[in-house]
């Protein structure tokens, strides 16, 4: 599972060809013992995160929406993904 970004203890990854279960462009977020699948539009699809980290991820998703959709389009066809600078 390629890592897209990492900041404040959050690790954001995207699976290749992962459109079968959720049918919606999404990322996998890891924070300590927490794991969540979150749609690029910010919807929590599975798992959980502490509220503070969930809000931080939602804001980050908005800031990097174009890059994330580009990564998703590459991931579903198995192309390599570019890392996303968390502070850009």
Protein backbone atom coordinates (compact mmCIF):
# COMPACT_ATOMS: atom_id res chain seq x y z
CA UNK A 1 0.00 0.00 0.00
CA UNK A 2 1.86 3.12 -1.19
CA UNK A 3 2.20 5.95 1.30
CA UNK A 4 0.96 9.30 -0.01
CA UNK A 5 1.80 11.49 2.96
CA UNK A 6 2.73 11.56 6.64
CA UNK A 7 2.27 14.36 9.18
CA UNK A 8 1.39 14.85 12.87
CA UNK A 9 1.44 11.10 13.43
CA UNK A 10 -1.05 10.48 10.60
CA UNK A 11 -0.09 8.17 7.75
CA UNK A 12 -2.13 8.40 4.55
CA UNK A 13 -2.00 5.53 2.07
CA UNK A 14 -3.84 4.50 -1.08
CA UNK A 15 -4.22 0.97 -2.38
CA UNK A 16 -3.83 0.00 -6.02
CA UNK A 17 -7.09 -1.10 -7.69
CA UNK A 18 -9.07 -0.55 -4.46
CA UNK A 19 -12.42 0.51 -5.93
CA UNK A 20 -14.31 -2.73 -5.20
CA UNK A 21 -15.29 -2.44 -1.54
CA UNK A 22 -16.13 1.25 -1.10
CA UNK A 23 -16.76 2.21 -4.76
CA UNK A 24 -15.69 5.74 -3.92
CA UNK A 25 -12.29 7.43 -4.21
CA UNK A 26 -10.73 7.18 -0.76
CA UNK A 27 -7.56 6.97 1.32
CA UNK A 28 -6.57 4.77 4.23
CA UNK A 29 -5.51 6.70 7.31
CA UNK A 30 -3.48 5.28 10.19
CA UNK A 31 -2.97 7.00 13.53
CA UNK A 32 -1.52 4.93 16.36
CA UNK A 33 -3.94 2.04 16.88
CA UNK A 34 -6.65 3.73 14.76
CA UNK A 35 -7.39 2.95 11.13
CA UNK A 36 -9.98 4.51 8.85
CA UNK A 37 -11.01 4.59 5.21
CA UNK A 38 -12.00 8.14 4.32
CA UNK A 39 -13.42 9.28 1.00
CA UNK A 40 -11.65 12.13 -0.72
CA UNK A 41 -14.79 14.19 -0.06
CA UNK A 42 -14.22 13.64 3.69
CA UNK A 43 -16.87 10.97 4.37
CA UNK A 44 -15.84 8.30 6.88
CA UNK A 45 -16.34 4.99 5.06
CA UNK A 46 -14.96 2.53 7.61
CA UNK A 47 -13.00 2.47 10.85
CA UNK A 48 -12.47 5.39 13.19
CA UNK A 49 -10.12 8.19 14.20
CA UNK A 50 -10.10 10.56 17.16
CA UNK A 51 -12.21 13.65 16.37
CA UNK A 52 -9.25 16.03 16.26
CA UNK A 53 -7.35 13.88 13.74
CA UNK A 54 -10.47 13.28 11.66
CA UNK A 55 -11.02 17.04 11.32
CA UNK A 56 -7.35 17.52 10.43
CA UNK A 57 -7.61 14.85 7.70
CA UNK A 58 -10.82 16.41 6.35
CA UNK A 59 -9.06 19.79 6.01
CA UNK A 60 -6.02 18.15 4.38
CA UNK A 61 -8.28 16.34 1.90
CA UNK A 62 -9.82 19.65 0.83
CA UNK A 63 -6.39 21.25 0.37
CA UNK A 64 -5.08 18.35 -1.74
CA UNK A 65 -8.25 17.31 -3.56
CA UNK A 66 -6.83 17.63 -7.09
CA UNK A 67 -3.67 15.69 -6.22
CA UNK A 68 -5.74 12.98 -4.50
CA UNK A 69 -8.09 12.47 -7.45
CA UNK A 70 -5.07 12.29 -9.75
CA UNK A 71 -3.51 9.67 -7.43
CA UNK A 72 -6.81 7.75 -7.31
CA UNK A 73 -7.06 7.65 -11.10
CA UNK A 74 -3.52 6.28 -11.27
CA UNK A 75 -4.10 3.78 -8.45
CA UNK A 76 -7.17 2.16 -10.01
CA UNK A 77 -5.16 1.33 -13.12
CA UNK A 78 -2.07 0.27 -11.18
CA UNK A 79 0.20 3.24 -12.02
CA UNK A 80 2.74 4.56 -9.49
CA UNK A 81 1.59 7.28 -7.11
CA UNK A 82 3.39 10.52 -6.30
CA UNK A 83 3.87 11.54 -2.67
CA UNK A 84 1.90 14.58 -1.53
CA UNK A 85 3.71 17.22 0.50
CA UNK A 86 1.53 17.67 3.61
CA UNK A 87 2.46 21.33 4.04
CA UNK A 88 2.14 22.48 0.42
